[in-house]
Protein backbone atom coordinates (compact mmCIF):
# COMPACT_ATOMS: atom_id res chain seq x y z
CA MET A 1 -12.89 -15.82 -8.95
CA LYS A 2 -14.09 -12.55 -7.49
CA ARG A 3 -11.46 -9.84 -7.02
CA ILE A 4 -10.89 -6.76 -4.92
CA LEU A 5 -8.33 -4.08 -5.69
CA LEU A 6 -7.24 -1.99 -2.71
CA ILE A 7 -5.59 1.36 -3.43
CA PHE A 8 -3.94 3.33 -0.63
CA ALA A 9 -1.45 6.17 -0.30
CA HIS A 10 0.70 4.72 2.49
CA PRO A 11 1.83 1.44 3.97
CA ASP A 12 -0.38 0.53 6.96
CA ASP A 13 -3.48 2.31 5.58
CA GLU A 14 -4.86 -1.10 4.64
CA SER A 15 -4.31 -2.45 8.14
CA PHE A 16 -5.85 0.50 9.95
CA SER A 17 -8.84 0.89 7.64
CA CYS A 18 -10.04 -2.49 6.43
CA ALA A 19 -7.83 -5.45 7.45
CA GLY A 20 -10.75 -7.31 9.02
CA THR A 21 -12.85 -6.90 5.90
CA VAL A 22 -9.94 -7.97 3.69
CA ALA A 23 -9.40 -11.11 5.78
CA LYS A 24 -13.13 -11.89 5.59
CA TYR A 25 -13.19 -11.75 1.79
CA ILE A 26 -9.94 -13.68 1.39
CA ARG A 27 -11.32 -16.46 3.63
CA ALA A 28 -14.43 -16.48 1.41
CA GLY A 29 -12.22 -17.17 -1.63
CA TRP A 30 -11.80 -13.73 -3.11
CA ARG A 31 -8.49 -12.58 -4.59
CA VAL A 32 -7.26 -9.30 -3.11
CA ASP A 33 -4.53 -7.17 -4.68
CA LEU A 34 -3.09 -4.01 -3.17
CA VAL A 35 -1.63 -0.89 -4.77
CA CYS A 36 0.32 1.45 -2.50
CA ALA A 37 1.22 4.83 -4.02
CA THR A 38 4.12 5.58 -1.66
CA ARG A 39 6.51 3.72 0.61
CA GLY A 40 5.65 5.93 3.60
CA GLU A 41 8.99 7.71 3.80
CA ALA A 42 7.50 10.92 5.26
CA GLY A 43 5.23 9.30 7.80
CA ASN A 44 5.35 9.41 11.57
CA CYS A 45 8.53 7.64 12.55
CA GLY A 46 7.89 6.64 16.14
CA PRO A 47 11.02 4.85 17.31
CA TYR A 48 12.64 5.37 13.90
CA ASN A 49 12.87 9.19 14.06
CA ALA A 50 16.63 9.22 13.42
CA LEU A 51 16.37 7.22 10.18
CA SER A 52 16.72 8.60 6.68
CA ALA A 53 13.62 8.74 4.49
CA ASP A 54 14.97 5.89 2.36
CA ARG A 55 15.61 3.64 5.36
CA LEU A 56 12.19 4.42 6.82
CA ALA A 57 10.60 3.62 3.45
CA HIS A 58 12.40 0.27 3.39
CA ILE A 59 11.12 -0.60 6.87
CA ARG A 60 7.55 0.46 6.09
CA GLN A 61 7.59 -1.48 2.81
CA LYS A 62 8.72 -4.63 4.62
CA GLU A 63 6.04 -4.12 7.27
CA LEU A 64 3.37 -3.85 4.56
CA GLU A 65 4.67 -6.96 2.81
CA LYS A 66 4.49 -8.86 6.12
CA ALA A 67 0.95 -7.58 6.80
CA GLY A 68 -0.03 -8.59 3.26
CA THR A 69 1.30 -12.09 3.83
CA ILE A 70 -0.59 -12.40 7.12
CA LEU A 71 -3.83 -11.19 5.52
CA GLY A 72 -3.38 -13.31 2.40
CA ILE A 73 -3.16 -10.46 -0.11
CA SER A 74 -2.16 -11.87 -3.50
CA THR A 75 0.03 -9.02 -4.79
CA ILE A 76 1.33 -5.70 -3.54
CA THR A 77 2.39 -3.07 -6.06
CA PHE A 78 4.32 0.02 -4.99
CA LEU A 79 3.97 2.94 -7.40
CA GLY A 80 7.03 4.79 -6.11
CA TYR A 81 5.53 8.22 -5.47
CA PHE A 82 7.18 10.20 -2.68
CA ASP A 83 5.14 10.32 0.51
CA GLY A 84 3.64 13.75 1.12
CA LYS A 85 3.78 14.75 -2.55
CA LEU A 86 0.73 13.00 -4.02
CA GLN A 87 -1.19 16.29 -4.05
CA ASN A 88 1.30 17.50 -6.70
CA VAL A 89 0.36 14.74 -9.17
CA ASN A 90 -1.78 16.05 -12.02
CA PRO A 91 -5.41 14.88 -11.91
CA GLY A 92 -5.82 11.68 -13.88
CA ASN A 93 -2.11 10.75 -13.92
CA LEU A 94 -2.24 8.57 -10.83
CA GLU A 95 -5.32 6.79 -12.15
CA ASP A 96 -3.57 6.18 -15.48
CA VAL A 97 -0.53 4.69 -13.72
CA ILE A 98 -2.73 2.39 -11.63
CA PHE A 99 -4.67 1.29 -14.69
CA GLN A 100 -1.47 0.50 -16.61
CA LYS A 101 0.11 -1.42 -13.71
CA MET A 102 -3.01 -3.52 -13.12
CA LYS A 103 -3.69 -4.58 -16.70
């Protein structure tokens, strides 16, 4: 089986950038897995502007899980980095974490 690994910083990046392409490949029989570095706790809140970062992260994680189900994504892995702080991760560390999680 052919596989695709998607890696994004935030929940909803997959939907805005390549959901149609993901759906196309899944319908063609490919397995698609998704790694999301953060839970989106520092993102634009829209109607949720009064929520705590943790509550917003919970909502955004659930939204991504629902989108993943709709698209047919096989697995979603959250790495647990804090949104807005990825630039502070030492070069190579994020890649090492992704490699270890996806073994």
